[in-house]
Structures are given as structure tokens and as C-alpha cells.
Amino acid sequence: EVPLVESGGGLVQTGGSLNLSCAASGFTFDDYVIGWFRQAPGKEREEVSCISSRDGTTYYTLSVKGRFTIRSGNAQNTVYLQMNSLAPEDTAVYFCAAAASPYFSARYYCSTNYEWDVWGQGTQVTVSS
């Protein structure tokens, strides 16, 4: 059983929108920090956005601020990443990750250097020009 499953990726034109989902299996996101990351071809994985279910804080990397929105679902086992005004440079495989019992705000954890407890397998987002 895969603990985290991403969905919602696809092909969209520049300026379009996608809503990615990160669903937990076998646990809920109660008292977790959840992050979205992406990796474009030939590039390193980078952080996109994170949310803490403990205090509700969020963090966005500068390149997506104002265009992407991270939110928790009502069922506490899904986190969404609403992506608007997509551009070709947003093309990447998008991954979600989770870490239990966050003490600090989401910003503290939102890095690929942090030791996340679990990762999903990714969903492809392709933005055509």
C-alpha cells in the first residue's frame, strides 16, 4: 500500500489551471506538515509549497506565490495544490511529502533538505506554450 498518492496532473496550456491532490493511505494528516515539491527534467527537486496541519501555516516558494494555493481537505487525509496561471516553467513531476508532529511553522520544514517521513510517487504536470 502506497502511503501517499498524488493525482490531478496532466497537460494544460499556458495560463491554465490544475488542482493536484495528495491523498494519505492508512493515516490522516492530523498533526503533520505536508509539502509539495517538483522536479523538472535535468533539474534538482525543489520545494513548491507546504502546510502545517498543526497551526495552519503555509509557505510558498517565490516563483509560485500568488498563483498556487495549498489547502487541507475536509477529510484530513488529503491536501490540495491549486495551480493557476500556469506557465511552461511549471512543467515538472510534482511530489507530495509528509512529516509527523511539526513543532515549527510550515516555512521551517519546506525544504528538500528536510528529512520527510514519506514521499509520494509523483504526478506529471506539463504546460504547453
Protein backbone atom coordinates (compact mmCIF):
# COMPACT_ATOMS: atom_id res chain seq x y z
CA GLU A 1 0.00 0.00 0.00
CA VAL A 2 1.43 3.33 -1.07
CA PRO A 3 1.13 5.79 1.83
CA LEU A 4 0.91 8.93 -0.33
CA VAL A 5 -0.69 9.16 -3.74
CA GLU A 6 -0.65 12.25 -5.93
CA SER A 7 -3.21 12.86 -8.66
CA GLY A 8 -4.56 15.63 -10.81
CA GLY A 9 -1.61 16.20 -13.08
CA GLY A 10 -1.93 16.49 -16.82
CA LEU A 11 -1.37 18.61 -19.88
CA VAL A 12 -2.59 22.19 -19.82
CA GLN A 13 -1.99 25.29 -21.90
CA THR A 14 -0.19 28.36 -20.63
CA GLY A 15 -2.48 30.30 -18.36
CA GLY A 16 -4.50 27.25 -17.44
CA SER A 17 -5.15 25.64 -14.07
CA LEU A 18 -4.77 22.29 -12.39
CA ASN A 19 -5.71 21.07 -8.93
CA LEU A 20 -3.33 18.46 -7.57
CA SER A 21 -4.33 16.12 -4.75
CA CYS A 22 -2.14 14.33 -2.23
CA ALA A 23 -4.03 11.55 -0.52
CA ALA A 24 -2.80 9.68 2.54
CA SER A 25 -3.50 5.99 2.82
CA GLY A 26 -3.50 4.29 6.20
CA PHE A 27 -3.17 7.50 8.19
CA THR A 28 -4.55 11.03 8.34
CA PHE A 29 -2.77 14.33 8.05
CA ASP A 30 -3.73 15.28 11.59
CA ASP A 31 -0.57 16.80 13.14
CA TYR A 32 1.57 16.65 10.03
CA VAL A 33 3.36 19.07 7.78
CA ILE A 34 2.72 18.31 4.12
CA GLY A 35 4.82 19.61 1.31
CA TRP A 36 4.60 19.84 -2.45
CA PHE A 37 7.79 19.59 -4.44
CA ARG A 38 8.60 19.43 -8.12
CA GLN A 39 11.37 18.20 -10.33
CA ALA A 40 11.80 19.33 -13.90
CA PRO A 41 13.87 17.33 -16.39
CA GLY A 42 17.56 17.83 -15.76
CA LYS A 43 16.96 19.87 -12.63
CA GLU A 44 17.06 19.21 -8.93
CA ARG A 45 13.92 18.71 -6.92
CA GLU A 46 12.69 21.97 -5.41
CA GLU A 47 10.13 22.93 -2.82
CA VAL A 48 6.89 24.48 -4.01
CA SER A 49 4.59 24.86 -1.03
CA CYS A 50 3.97 23.44 2.43
CA ILE A 51 1.19 23.45 5.00
CA SER A 52 1.15 22.53 8.67
CA SER A 53 -1.99 20.87 9.95
CA ARG A 54 -0.96 21.75 13.50
CA ASP A 55 -1.09 25.52 13.17
CA GLY A 56 -2.40 26.06 9.65
CA THR A 57 0.64 27.96 8.47
CA THR A 58 1.60 27.81 4.83
CA TYR A 59 4.66 28.61 2.77
CA TYR A 60 5.13 29.23 -0.94
CA THR A 61 8.30 29.49 -2.90
CA LEU A 62 8.59 32.87 -4.57
CA SER A 63 8.02 31.64 -8.11
CA VAL A 64 4.54 30.30 -7.32
CA LYS A 65 3.37 32.87 -4.78
CA GLY A 66 0.07 34.39 -5.83
CA ARG A 67 -0.57 31.65 -8.38
CA PHE A 68 -0.66 28.46 -6.29
CA THR A 69 -2.75 27.75 -3.20
CA ILE A 70 -2.22 24.87 -0.79
CA ARG A 71 -5.09 23.74 1.42
CA SER A 72 -6.18 20.81 3.52
CA GLY A 73 -9.24 18.81 2.61
CA ASN A 74 -12.15 18.32 4.98
CA ALA A 75 -11.42 14.62 5.47
CA GLN A 76 -7.93 15.30 6.91
CA ASN A 77 -6.34 12.77 4.61
CA THR A 78 -5.99 14.95 1.52
CA VAL A 79 -4.04 18.10 0.73
CA TYR A 80 -4.61 20.04 -2.46
CA LEU A 81 -2.43 22.31 -4.54
CA GLN A 82 -4.49 24.61 -6.73
CA MET A 83 -2.29 25.88 -9.52
CA ASN A 84 -3.45 28.85 -11.58
CA SER A 85 -1.81 30.91 -14.31
CA LEU A 86 0.43 28.01 -15.21
CA ALA A 87 3.49 28.65 -17.32
CA PRO A 88 5.83 26.32 -19.23
CA GLU A 89 8.42 26.68 -16.46
CA ASP A 90 5.97 24.97 -14.11
CA THR A 91 6.35 21.76 -16.12
CA ALA A 92 7.68 19.08 -13.79
CA VAL A 93 6.83 15.97 -11.86
CA TYR A 94 5.08 17.11 -8.70
CA PHE A 95 5.57 15.14 -5.49
CA CYS A 96 4.00 15.42 -2.08
CA ALA A 97 5.70 14.50 1.18
CA ALA A 98 4.65 14.35 4.81
CA ALA A 99 6.36 14.61 8.17
CA ALA A 100 4.74 13.96 11.54
CA SER A 101 4.45 16.19 14.57
CA PRO A 102 5.69 19.53 13.30
CA TYR A 103 6.85 21.86 16.04
CA PHE A 104 7.56 24.90 13.94
CA SER A 105 5.64 26.66 11.20
CA ALA A 106 5.42 25.23 7.68
CA ARG A 107 8.23 27.51 6.46
CA TYR A 108 10.77 25.76 8.67
CA TYR A 109 10.16 22.37 7.05
CA CYS A 110 9.64 23.43 3.45
CA SER A 111 12.91 22.29 2.00
CA THR A 112 14.20 19.29 0.11
CA ASN A 113 16.94 19.11 2.75
CA TYR A 114 14.46 18.23 5.48
CA GLU A 115 14.09 14.52 6.25
CA TRP A 116 10.49 13.91 5.27
CA ASP A 117 8.87 10.74 6.63
CA VAL A 118 7.17 9.66 3.44
CA TRP A 119 7.03 10.64 -0.23
CA GLY A 120 4.53 10.02 -2.96
CA GLN A 121 5.42 8.74 -6.41
CA GLY A 122 4.63 11.94 -8.26
CA THR A 123 2.26 13.24 -10.90
CA GLN A 124 3.32 14.82 -14.18
CA VAL A 125 2.34 18.39 -14.95
CA THR A 126 3.03 19.63 -18.46
CA VAL A 127 2.30 23.20 -19.51
CA SER A 128 2.38 23.85 -23.21
CA SER A 129 3.28 27.24 -24.66
